[in-house]
C-alpha atoms as a PDB file:
ATOM      1  CA  MET A   1      38.436 -22.572  -5.960  1.00  0.00           C
ATOM      2  CA  SER A   2      37.684 -22.089  -2.267  1.00  0.00           C
ATOM      3  CA  PHE A   3      34.641 -20.116  -1.085  1.00  0.00           C
ATOM      4  CA  PRO A   4      33.598 -17.936   0.672  1.00  0.00           C
ATOM      5  CA  LYS A   5      36.386 -15.416   0.167  1.00  0.00           C
ATOM      6  CA  LYS A   6      36.914 -11.665   0.097  1.00  0.00           C
ATOM      7  CA  VAL A   7      37.271 -10.337  -3.454  1.00  0.00           C
ATOM      8  CA  SER A   8      38.020  -7.078  -5.202  1.00  0.00           C
ATOM      9  CA  LEU A   9      35.346  -5.497  -7.348  1.00  0.00           C
ATOM     10  CA  PRO A  10      34.078  -8.279  -9.642  1.00  0.00           C
ATOM     11  CA  VAL A  11      33.215  -7.666 -13.284  1.00  0.00           C
ATOM     12  CA  LEU A  12      29.722  -9.054 -13.805  1.00  0.00           C
ATOM     13  CA  LYS A  13      27.612  -9.449 -16.903  1.00  0.00           C
ATOM     14  CA  CYS A  14      24.803  -6.904 -17.160  1.00  0.00           C
ATOM     15  CA  PRO A  15      21.620  -8.469 -15.687  1.00  0.00           C
ATOM     16  CA  LYS A  16      18.436  -8.899 -17.693  1.00  0.00           C
ATOM     17  CA  ILE A  17      16.296  -9.497 -14.591  1.00  0.00           C
ATOM     18  CA  ILE A  18      16.827  -8.528 -10.952  1.00  0.00           C
ATOM     19  CA  THR A  19      14.348  -9.584  -8.273  1.00  0.00           C
ATOM     20  CA  PHE A  20      14.372  -8.533  -4.646  1.00  0.00           C
ATOM     21  CA  ASP A  21      13.098  -9.758  -1.350  1.00  0.00           C
ATOM     22  CA  ALA A  22      10.879  -7.112   0.249  1.00  0.00           C
ATOM     23  CA  TYR A  23      11.028  -6.733   4.059  1.00  0.00           C
ATOM     24  CA  ASN A  24      14.499  -5.915   5.433  1.00  0.00           C
ATOM     25  CA  THR A  25      15.867  -5.748   1.889  1.00  0.00           C
ATOM     26  CA  LEU A  26      14.010  -2.814   0.314  1.00  0.00           C
ATOM     27  CA  TYR A  27      12.670  -1.333   3.530  1.00  0.00           C
ATOM     28  CA  CYS A  28      12.892  -1.757   7.272  1.00  0.00           C
ATOM     29  CA  THR A  29      10.912  -0.808  10.366  1.00  0.00           C
ATOM     30  CA  THR A  30      11.566   2.702  11.672  1.00  0.00           C
ATOM     31  CA  LEU A  31      11.590   1.222  15.195  1.00  0.00           C
ATOM     32  CA  PRO A  32      11.525  -2.408  16.352  1.00  0.00           C
ATOM     33  CA  VAL A  33       8.051  -3.851  15.769  1.00  0.00           C
ATOM     34  CA  MET A  34       7.117  -4.356  19.417  1.00  0.00           C
ATOM     35  CA  GLU A  35       8.182  -0.831  20.322  1.00  0.00           C
ATOM     36  CA  GLN A  36       5.708   0.375  17.724  1.00  0.00           C
ATOM     37  CA  TYR A  37       2.971  -1.865  19.121  1.00  0.00           C
ATOM     38  CA  CYS A  38       3.615  -0.310  22.528  1.00  0.00           C
ATOM     39  CA  LEU A  39       3.540   3.236  21.128  1.00  0.00           C
ATOM     40  CA  VAL A  40       0.039   2.608  19.797  1.00  0.00           C
ATOM     41  CA  GLY A  41      -0.927   0.873  23.044  1.00  0.00           C
ATOM     42  CA  ARG A  42      -0.101   3.957  25.108  1.00  0.00           C
ATOM     43  CA  LYS A  43      -2.799   5.901  23.246  1.00  0.00           C
ATOM     44  CA  TYR A  44      -5.261   3.401  24.725  1.00  0.00           C
ATOM     45  CA  GLY A  45      -3.797   3.546  28.224  1.00  0.00           C
ATOM     46  CA  ILE A  46      -1.955   0.237  27.824  1.00  0.00           C
ATOM     47  CA  LYS A  47       1.606   0.280  29.137  1.00  0.00           C
ATOM     48  CA  VAL A  48       3.820  -2.741  28.639  1.00  0.00           C
ATOM     49  CA  ASP A  49       7.549  -3.358  28.217  1.00  0.00           C
ATOM     50  CA  PRO A  50       8.377  -3.990  24.515  1.00  0.00           C
ATOM     51  CA  ARG A  51      10.835  -6.657  25.651  1.00  0.00           C
ATOM     52  CA  THR A  52       7.930  -8.663  27.058  1.00  0.00           C
ATOM     53  CA  LEU A  53       6.127  -8.572  23.721  1.00  0.00           C
ATOM     54  CA  THR A  54       9.349  -9.441  21.878  1.00  0.00           C
ATOM     55  CA  SER A  55       9.768 -12.488  24.093  1.00  0.00           C
ATOM     56  CA  ASN A  56       6.137 -13.481  23.463  1.00  0.00           C
ATOM     57  CA  PHE A  57       6.380 -13.116  19.696  1.00  0.00           C
ATOM     58  CA  PRO A  58       8.366 -16.158  18.394  1.00  0.00           C
ATOM     59  CA  PRO A  59       6.229 -18.962  19.890  1.00  0.00           C
ATOM     60  CA  ILE A  60       2.973 -17.180  19.017  1.00  0.00           C
ATOM     61  CA  PHE A  61       4.138 -16.501  15.462  1.00  0.00           C
ATOM     62  CA  LYS A  62       5.112 -20.162  15.083  1.00  0.00           C
ATOM     63  CA  GLU A  63       1.819 -21.403  16.548  1.00  0.00           C
ATOM     64  CA  LEU A  64      -0.333 -19.231  14.273  1.00  0.00           C
ATOM     65  CA  ARG A  65       1.670 -20.229  11.206  1.00  0.00           C
ATOM     66  CA  THR A  66       0.974 -23.854  12.099  1.00  0.00           C
ATOM     67  CA  LYS A  67      -2.690 -23.395  13.010  1.00  0.00           C
ATOM     68  CA  TYR A  68      -3.524 -21.013  10.151  1.00  0.00           C
ATOM     69  CA  PRO A  69      -0.939 -21.631   7.395  1.00  0.00           C
ATOM     70  CA  ASN A  70      -0.305 -19.018   4.733  1.00  0.00           C
ATOM     71  CA  TYR A  71      -1.832 -16.262   6.856  1.00  0.00           C
ATOM     72  CA  GLY A  72      -5.163 -18.073   7.092  1.00  0.00           C
ATOM     73  CA  LYS A  73      -5.811 -18.139   3.356  1.00  0.00           C
ATOM     74  CA  HIS A  74      -7.684 -21.469   3.528  1.00  0.00           C
ATOM     75  CA  ASP A  75      -9.106 -21.003   7.022  1.00  0.00           C
ATOM     76  CA  GLY A  76     -11.703 -18.335   6.341  1.00  0.00           C
ATOM     77  CA  ILE A  77      -9.693 -15.398   7.666  1.00  0.00           C
ATOM     78  CA  THR A  78      -7.916 -12.541   5.926  1.00  0.00           C
ATOM     79  CA  ALA A  79      -4.245 -11.696   6.354  1.00  0.00           C
ATOM     80  CA  GLU A  80      -5.336  -8.648   8.378  1.00  0.00           C
ATOM     81  CA  GLN A  81      -7.351 -10.895  10.704  1.00  0.00           C
ATOM     82  CA  TRP A  82      -4.371 -13.255  11.027  1.00  0.00           C
ATOM     83  CA  TRP A  83      -2.142 -10.401  12.176  1.00  0.00           C
ATOM     84  CA  GLY A  84      -4.935  -9.162  14.430  1.00  0.00           C
ATOM     85  CA  LEU A  85      -4.922 -12.519  16.213  1.00  0.00           C
ATOM     86  CA  LEU A  86      -1.174 -12.266  16.657  1.00  0.00           C
ATOM     87  CA  ILE A  87      -1.359  -8.733  18.050  1.00  0.00           C
ATOM     88  CA  LYS A  88      -3.958  -9.731  20.617  1.00  0.00           C
ATOM     89  CA  ARG A  89      -1.963 -12.791  21.615  1.00  0.00           C
ATOM     90  CA  VAL A  90       1.368 -11.010  22.140  1.00  0.00           C
ATOM     91  CA  PHE A  91      -0.283  -8.561  24.551  1.00  0.00           C
ATOM     92  CA  LYS A  92      -1.831 -11.307  26.697  1.00  0.00           C
ATOM     93  CA  PRO A  93      -2.831 -11.329  29.542  1.00  0.00           C
ATOM     94  CA  ILE A  94      -3.781  -7.738  28.661  1.00  0.00           C
ATOM     95  CA  ASN A  95      -6.960  -7.553  26.593  1.00  0.00           C
ATOM     96  CA  VAL A  96      -6.558  -5.010  23.823  1.00  0.00           C
ATOM     97  CA  PRO A  97      -9.538  -3.321  22.125  1.00  0.00           C
ATOM     98  CA  ASN A  98     -10.292  -3.977  18.479  1.00  0.00           C
ATOM     99  CA  GLU A  99      -9.767  -0.286  17.692  1.00  0.00           C
ATOM    100  CA  MET A 100      -6.173  -0.560  18.910  1.00  0.00           C
ATOM    101  CA  VAL A 101      -5.565  -3.612  16.724  1.00  0.00           C
ATOM    102  CA  SER A 102      -6.910  -1.691  13.722  1.00  0.00           C
ATOM    103  CA  ASP A 103      -4.625   1.255  14.519  1.00  0.00           C
ATOM    104  CA  ILE A 104      -1.576  -1.014  14.675  1.00  0.00           C
ATOM    105  CA  LEU A 105      -2.482  -2.665  11.382  1.00  0.00           C
ATOM    106  CA  LEU A 106      -3.003   0.725   9.724  1.00  0.00           C
ATOM    107  CA  ARG A 107       0.345   1.974  11.022  1.00  0.00           C
ATOM    108  CA  PHE A 108       2.087  -0.995   9.406  1.00  0.00           C
ATOM    109  CA  GLU A 109       0.772  -0.125   5.969  1.00  0.00           C
ATOM    110  CA  GLY A 110       3.040   2.847   5.440  1.00  0.00           C
ATOM    111  CA  GLU A 111       5.765   5.338   6.269  1.00  0.00           C
ATOM    112  CA  GLU A 112       4.991   5.619   9.962  1.00  0.00           C
ATOM    113  CA  ALA A 113       6.173   2.054  10.515  1.00  0.00           C
ATOM    114  CA  TYR A 114       8.645   1.567   7.652  1.00  0.00           C
ATOM    115  CA  ALA A 115      11.436   3.428   5.877  1.00  0.00           C
ATOM    116  CA  VAL A 116      12.983   2.669   2.504  1.00  0.00           C
ATOM    117  CA  TYR A 117      16.753   2.457   2.727  1.00  0.00           C
ATOM    118  CA  PRO A 118      18.377   5.405   0.873  1.00  0.00           C
ATOM    119  CA  ASP A 119      20.599   3.124  -1.197  1.00  0.00           C
ATOM    120  CA  VAL A 120      17.565   1.171  -2.397  1.00  0.00           C
ATOM    121  CA  LEU A 121      16.040   4.169  -4.148  1.00  0.00           C
ATOM    122  CA  GLU A 122      19.451   5.110  -5.547  1.00  0.00           C
ATOM    123  CA  PHE A 123      19.944   1.624  -6.965  1.00  0.00           C
ATOM    124  CA  LEU A 124      16.434   1.224  -8.388  1.00  0.00           C
ATOM    125  CA  GLN A 125      16.596   4.620 -10.066  1.00  0.00           C
ATOM    126  CA  ARG A 126      20.034   3.908 -11.465  1.00  0.00           C
ATOM    127  CA  CYS A 127      18.865   0.571 -12.869  1.00  0.00           C
ATOM    128  CA  LYS A 128      16.137   2.353 -14.800  1.00  0.00           C
ATOM    129  CA  GLU A 129      18.517   5.065 -16.024  1.00  0.00           C
ATOM    130  CA  LYS A 130      21.547   2.946 -16.911  1.00  0.00           C
ATOM    131  CA  MET A 131      19.739  -0.215 -18.011  1.00  0.00           C
ATOM    132  CA  PRO A 132      16.286   0.816 -19.260  1.00  0.00           C
ATOM    133  CA  GLY A 133      15.662  -2.676 -20.589  1.00  0.00           C
ATOM    134  CA  ILE A 134      16.216  -4.351 -17.248  1.00  0.00           C
ATOM    135  CA  ILE A 135      13.211  -5.927 -15.549  1.00  0.00           C
ATOM    136  CA  LEU A 136      12.886  -5.537 -11.788  1.00  0.00           C
ATOM    137  CA  GLY A 137      10.677  -7.722  -9.629  1.00  0.00           C
ATOM    138  CA  ILE A 138       9.935  -8.894  -6.106  1.00  0.00           C
ATOM    139  CA  ILE A 139       9.874 -12.454  -4.790  1.00  0.00           C
ATOM    140  CA  SER A 140       8.795 -12.499  -1.163  1.00  0.00           C
ATOM    141  CA  ASN A 141       7.461 -14.905   1.447  1.00  0.00           C
ATOM    142  CA  THR A 142       4.668 -12.687   2.664  1.00  0.00           C
ATOM    143  CA  ASP A 143       0.980 -11.781   2.554  1.00  0.00           C
ATOM    144  CA  PRO A 144      -0.897  -9.350   0.261  1.00  0.00           C
ATOM    145  CA  ILE A 145      -0.756  -6.493   2.781  1.00  0.00           C
ATOM    146  CA  VAL A 146       2.668  -5.844   1.265  1.00  0.00           C
ATOM    147  CA  ASN A 147       0.965  -4.533  -1.890  1.00  0.00           C
ATOM    148  CA  LYS A 148      -0.513  -1.612   0.097  1.00  0.00           C
ATOM    149  CA  LEU A 149       2.843  -1.033   1.750  1.00  0.00           C
ATOM    150  CA  LEU A 150       4.802  -0.979  -1.513  1.00  0.00           C
ATOM    151  CA  LYS A 151       2.334   1.534  -2.928  1.00  0.00           C
ATOM    152  CA  ASN A 152       2.488   3.749   0.171  1.00  0.00           C
ATOM    153  CA  LEU A 153       6.297   3.625   0.158  1.00  0.00           C
ATOM    154  CA  LYS A 154       6.252   4.644  -3.526  1.00  0.00           C
ATOM    155  CA  LEU A 155       8.073   1.496  -4.630  1.00  0.00           C
ATOM    156  CA  THR A 156       5.394  -0.104  -6.830  1.00  0.00           C
ATOM    157  CA  GLN A 157       6.398   2.019  -9.838  1.00  0.00           C
ATOM    158  CA  PHE A 158       9.749   0.243 -10.144  1.00  0.00           C
ATOM    159  CA  PHE A 159       8.357  -3.276 -10.475  1.00  0.00           C
ATOM    160  CA  GLU A 160       5.592  -2.917 -13.079  1.00  0.00           C
ATOM    161  CA  GLY A 161       3.508  -5.787 -11.752  1.00  0.00           C
ATOM    162  CA  ASN A 162       6.388  -8.255 -11.434  1.00  0.00           C
ATOM    163  CA  ILE A 163       5.543  -9.054  -7.808  1.00  0.00           C
ATOM    164  CA  TYR A 164       5.451 -12.683  -6.652  1.00  0.00           C
ATOM    165  CA  LEU A 165       4.187 -13.447  -3.149  1.00  0.00           C
ATOM    166  CA  SER A 166       4.138 -16.792  -1.368  1.00  0.00           C
ATOM    167  CA  TYR A 167       0.555 -16.067  -0.259  1.00  0.00           C
ATOM    168  CA  ASP A 168      -0.718 -15.774  -3.829  1.00  0.00           C
ATOM    169  CA  LEU A 169       1.332 -18.545  -5.407  1.00  0.00           C
ATOM    170  CA  GLU A 170       1.329 -20.961  -2.467  1.00  0.00           C
ATOM    171  CA  LEU A 171       4.999 -21.415  -3.237  1.00  0.00           C
ATOM    172  CA  SER A 172       7.799 -20.064  -1.092  1.00  0.00           C
ATOM    173  CA  LYS A 173      11.513 -19.435  -0.949  1.00  0.00           C
ATOM    174  CA  PRO A 174      13.937 -21.154  -0.813  1.00  0.00           C
ATOM    175  CA  ASN A 175      12.139 -23.668  -3.052  1.00  0.00           C
ATOM    176  CA  ARG A 176      13.061 -23.666  -6.715  1.00  0.00           C
ATOM    177  CA  GLU A 177       9.399 -23.606  -7.785  1.00  0.00           C
ATOM    178  CA  ILE A 178       8.815 -19.971  -6.812  1.00  0.00           C
ATOM    179  CA  PHE A 179      11.923 -18.784  -8.671  1.00  0.00           C
ATOM    180  CA  ASP A 180      10.966 -20.834 -11.737  1.00  0.00           C
ATOM    181  CA  PHE A 181       7.393 -19.509 -11.660  1.00  0.00           C
ATOM    182  CA  ALA A 182       8.549 -15.891 -11.363  1.00  0.00           C
ATOM    183  CA  LEU A 183      11.058 -16.239 -14.191  1.00  0.00           C
ATOM    184  CA  THR A 184       8.626 -17.975 -16.540  1.00  0.00           C
ATOM    185  CA  ASP A 185       5.942 -15.365 -15.843  1.00  0.00           C
ATOM    186  CA  ILE A 186       8.326 -12.432 -16.280  1.00  0.00           C
ATOM    187  CA  VAL A 187       9.519 -13.822 -19.607  1.00  0.00           C
ATOM    188  CA  LYS A 188       5.938 -14.323 -20.779  1.00  0.00           C
ATOM    189  CA  ARG A 189       4.505 -11.015 -19.530  1.00  0.00           C
ATOM    190  CA  ASN A 190       7.392  -8.977 -20.907  1.00  0.00           C
ATOM    191  CA  ARG A 191       7.729 -10.977 -24.133  1.00  0.00           C
ATOM    192  CA  LEU A 192      11.416 -11.534 -23.579  1.00  0.00           C
ATOM    193  CA  ALA A 193      13.397 -13.223 -26.304  1.00  0.00           C
ATOM    194  CA  PHE A 194      16.649 -15.013 -25.590  1.00  0.00           C
ATOM    195  CA  ASP A 195      19.031 -17.506 -27.153  1.00  0.00           C
ATOM    196  CA  GLY A 196      19.389 -20.986 -25.705  1.00  0.00           C
ATOM    197  CA  THR A 197      17.319 -22.552 -22.938  1.00  0.00           C
ATOM    198  CA  LEU A 198      15.629 -20.992 -19.925  1.00  0.00           C
ATOM    199  CA  ASP A 199      18.406 -22.455 -17.784  1.00  0.00           C
ATOM    200  CA  ASP A 200      20.921 -20.587 -19.947  1.00  0.00           C
ATOM    201  CA  PHE A 201      18.914 -17.375 -19.488  1.00  0.00           C
ATOM    202  CA  LYS A 202      19.144 -17.745 -15.702  1.00  0.00           C
ATOM    203  CA  LYS A 203      22.805 -16.730 -15.989  1.00  0.00           C
ATOM    204  CA  SER A 204      21.483 -13.185 -16.611  1.00  0.00           C
ATOM    205  CA  CYS A 205      19.061 -13.303 -13.667  1.00  0.00           C
ATOM    206  CA  TRP A 206      19.850 -12.066 -10.155  1.00  0.00           C
ATOM    207  CA  HIS A 207      17.987 -12.251  -6.867  1.00  0.00           C
ATOM    208  CA  ILE A 208      18.854  -9.956  -3.958  1.00  0.00           C
ATOM    209  CA  GLY A 209      17.708 -10.471  -0.379  1.00  0.00           C
ATOM    210  CA  ASP A 210      18.660 -10.371   3.280  1.00  0.00           C
ATOM    211  CA  GLU A 211      18.271 -14.052   4.213  1.00  0.00           C
ATOM    212  CA  LEU A 212      21.105 -16.508   3.650  1.00  0.00           C
ATOM    213  CA  HIS A 213      18.941 -19.611   3.229  1.00  0.00           C
ATOM    214  CA  ASN A 214      15.831 -18.221   1.541  1.00  0.00           C
ATOM    215  CA  ASP A 215      17.462 -15.663  -0.727  1.00  0.00           C
ATOM    216  CA  LEU A 216      21.147 -16.280  -1.416  1.00  0.00           C
ATOM    217  CA  GLN A 217      21.087 -20.084  -1.304  1.00  0.00           C
ATOM    218  CA  GLY A 218      17.527 -20.488  -2.572  1.00  0.00           C
ATOM    219  CA  ALA A 219      18.158 -18.447  -5.711  1.00  0.00           C
ATOM    220  CA  ALA A 220      21.560 -20.023  -6.369  1.00  0.00           C
ATOM    221  CA  ASN A 221      20.116 -23.523  -6.020  1.00  0.00           C
ATOM    222  CA  SER A 222      17.470 -22.518  -8.568  1.00  0.00           C
ATOM    223  CA  GLY A 223      20.102 -21.619 -11.151  1.00  0.00           C
ATOM    224  CA  TRP A 224      20.069 -17.854 -10.561  1.00  0.00           C
ATOM    225  CA  ASN A 225      22.867 -15.550  -9.454  1.00  0.00           C
ATOM    226  CA  SER A 226      22.284 -14.160  -5.976  1.00  0.00           C
ATOM    227  CA  ILE A 227      23.395 -11.447  -3.596  1.00  0.00           C
ATOM    228  CA  LEU A 228      22.951 -11.372   0.166  1.00  0.00           C
ATOM    229  CA  ILE A 229      22.482  -7.882   1.614  1.00  0.00           C
ATOM    230  CA  ASP A 230      23.799  -8.255   5.166  1.00  0.00           C
ATOM    231  CA  ARG A 231      23.603  -4.728   6.501  1.00  0.00           C
ATOM    232  CA  SER A 232      24.586  -5.520  10.099  1.00  0.00           C
ATOM    233  CA  ASN A 233      26.880  -8.516   9.504  1.00  0.00           C
ATOM    234  CA  ARG A 234      24.366 -10.910  11.055  1.00  0.00           C
ATOM    235  CA  ASN A 235      25.959 -13.813   9.213  1.00  0.00           C
ATOM    236  CA  GLY A 236      29.497 -12.828  10.140  1.00  0.00           C
ATOM    237  CA  PHE A 237      31.069 -12.968   6.676  1.00  0.00           C
ATOM    238  CA  PHE A 238      32.755  -9.589   7.096  1.00  0.00           C
ATOM    239  CA  ASN A 239      34.570 -10.777  10.245  1.00  0.00           C
ATOM    240  CA  THR A 240      35.436 -14.239   9.022  1.00  0.00           C
ATOM    241  CA  THR A 241      34.639 -15.353   5.505  1.00  0.00           C
ATOM    242  CA  ARG A 242      33.580 -18.711   6.909  1.00  0.00           C
ATOM    243  CA  GLY A 243      30.547 -16.992   8.427  1.00  0.00           C
ATOM    244  CA  LEU A 244      28.834 -17.750  11.698  1.00  0.00           C
ATOM    245  CA  PRO A 245      27.009 -20.969  12.644  1.00  0.00           C
ATOM    246  CA  GLU A 246      23.482 -21.218  11.244  1.00  0.00           C
ATOM    247  CA  ARG A 247      21.004 -19.514  13.536  1.00  0.00           C
ATOM    248  CA  SER A 248      17.936 -21.130  15.077  1.00  0.00           C
ATOM    249  CA  GLU A 249      14.380 -20.557  13.855  1.00  0.00           C
ATOM    250  CA  HIS A 250      13.727 -18.694  17.138  1.00  0.00           C
ATOM    251  CA  ASP A 251      16.611 -16.285  16.530  1.00  0.00           C
ATOM    252  CA  LEU A 252      15.628 -15.735  12.897  1.00  0.00           C
ATOM    253  CA  THR A 253      12.075 -14.898  13.974  1.00  0.00           C
ATOM    254  CA  LEU A 254      13.322 -12.404  16.562  1.00  0.00           C
ATOM    255  CA  GLU A 255      15.441 -10.693  13.920  1.00  0.00           C
ATOM    256  CA  LYS A 256      12.342  -9.993  11.853  1.00  0.00           C
ATOM    257  CA  VAL A 257      10.921  -7.724  14.574  1.00  0.00           C
ATOM    258  CA  ASP A 258      14.098  -6.162  15.981  1.00  0.00           C
ATOM    259  CA  HIS A 259      15.246  -3.816  13.206  1.00  0.00           C
ATOM    260  CA  GLU A 260      15.571  -0.034  13.324  1.00  0.00           C
ATOM    261  CA  ALA A 261      16.142   1.545   9.924  1.00  0.00           C
ATOM    262  CA  LYS A 262      18.415   4.430  10.941  1.00  0.00           C
ATOM    263  CA  ARG A 263      20.730   2.252  13.040  1.00  0.00           C
ATOM    264  CA  ILE A 264      20.936  -0.513  10.430  1.00  0.00           C
ATOM    265  CA  TRP A 265      21.592   1.986   7.633  1.00  0.00           C
ATOM    266  CA  GLU A 266      24.428   3.660   9.556  1.00  0.00           C
ATOM    267  CA  LEU A 267      26.043   0.269  10.157  1.00  0.00           C
ATOM    268  CA  SER A 268      25.701  -0.825   6.548  1.00  0.00           C
ATOM    269  CA  ILE A 269      27.487   2.118   4.943  1.00  0.00           C
ATOM    270  CA  LEU A 270      30.604   1.520   7.059  1.00  0.00           C
ATOM    271  CA  GLN A 271      31.261  -1.808   5.328  1.00  0.00           C
ATOM    272  CA  ASN A 272      32.658  -1.885   1.784  1.00  0.00           C
ATOM    273  CA  ASP A 273      33.941  -5.457   1.514  1.00  0.00           C
ATOM    274  CA  ILE A 274      32.616  -7.883  -1.087  1.00  0.00           C
ATOM    275  CA  ILE A 275      32.497 -11.559  -0.183  1.00  0.00           C
ATOM    276  CA  GLN A 276      32.159 -14.136  -2.927  1.00  0.00           C
ATOM    277  CA  TYR A 277      30.086 -16.920  -1.396  1.00  0.00           C
ATOM    278  CA  SER A 278      30.111 -19.264  -4.405  1.00  0.00           C
ATOM    279  CA  GLU A 279      30.638 -19.180  -8.163  1.00  0.00           C
ATOM    280  CA  LYS A 280      27.472 -17.113  -8.645  1.00  0.00           C
ATOM    281  CA  SER A 281      26.709 -15.651  -5.204  1.00  0.00           C
ATOM    282  CA  TYR A 282      28.028 -12.628  -3.321  1.00  0.00           C
ATOM    283  CA  VAL A 283      27.594 -10.929   0.042  1.00  0.00           C
ATOM    284  CA  VAL A 284      27.602  -7.128   0.466  1.00  0.00           C
ATOM    285  CA  ALA A 285      26.466  -4.788   3.220  1.00  0.00           C
ATOM    286  CA  ASN A 286      24.656  -2.177   1.151  1.00  0.00           C
ATOM    287  CA  MET A 287      23.277  -1.556  -2.316  1.00  0.00           C
ATOM    288  CA  ARG A 288      25.797   1.154  -3.094  1.00  0.00           C
ATOM    289  CA  MET A 289      28.198  -1.732  -3.593  1.00  0.00           C
ATOM    290  CA  LEU A 290      25.827  -3.016  -6.286  1.00  0.00           C
ATOM    291  CA  ASN A 291      26.189   0.254  -8.190  1.00  0.00           C
ATOM    292  CA  ASP A 292      29.912  -0.476  -8.376  1.00  0.00           C
ATOM    293  CA  ILE A 293      29.382  -4.129  -9.323  1.00  0.00           C
ATOM    294  CA  PHE A 294      26.839  -3.566 -12.090  1.00  0.00           C
ATOM    295  CA  PHE A 295      27.496  -0.034 -13.377  1.00  0.00           C
ATOM    296  CA  THR A 296      31.271   0.467 -13.238  1.00  0.00           C
END
C-alpha cells in the first residue's frame, strides 16, 4: 500500500492512552513571540522592529542550547534564567533592564501570551465524557515553566499528573526512550491491566503533535499510533500528499516564534482532509477531525 494518501474517515480502535505535545499543539501564542517582546519593551521606552528580533532569535537560541543544554539544568541556572539570557541577547545592542526581562517572563506564563485552541478544549472534554477510562498525557521537549502555563491555561486538570518533559527526564522526542518511559510510567501509576506484551498495548496508544519528525515519526517509530496536527499546512500534505521537502533547523526554529493563534485557528478549520501518512499515522488540520475519527 502506498503512503501518504488522502483517505475517507477511517475507523480506528478506541484509544486507551492519548498523549499530546504541548506548544503549538494544545495552545499557541496570541501574537508572534517577538511582537510580544516588543510590546513589553515599549513600556520601558525601548522601540525595536520585531523583525529584527525574529532574525536574531535562531542563532542565539541555537548557541544557548549548545552552551547551556537542557535550559541550563546542569550549569547552575534555572530555566527562567536561561530564557532571561536569551531575551537580553535578542535585544542586543540594546541593553534591557532586569525588570523588563521579568515582565516578559511573567507574560509568558499565562493567557496574555498564549491561547488554547477552541478545538483542543472540545476534544479533551469529549474524551472525558465519551471515554471516561481513557488516560490523557503530555510528552513535550520543554522546560518546567510549562507546568505554570498549563495550570494558568486551565489544562492541568485533563492530564492528572501524566506530564513528561524532556527537562525532567533528560530524554527527548523523537527518541523512543521518552515514549517508552511515559508509557511504562502511565501503566504503573494508573495500574493498567492489559493482555499480551507492552508492545501489543502500544496499538491502543496515540500521540498527537505538530512536528513531523518529533511527534508523528517519533511516536510511530516507537510503536505508537500518531497524528500530526498541521493547522497551516506547513508540511504541504494537503496540497500534495507527498508533502514538502524537509525544512532546515533555522526554519523550524523561526516557526516556533511566528505563530498567531487567531490566524492559525481560522486557517485550520477550513481544511477537512485526512491524510494517512503510514499504516498507523495520520495528518489532520484540526482536532475536530479527531472527534470524527475517534467518536463516530
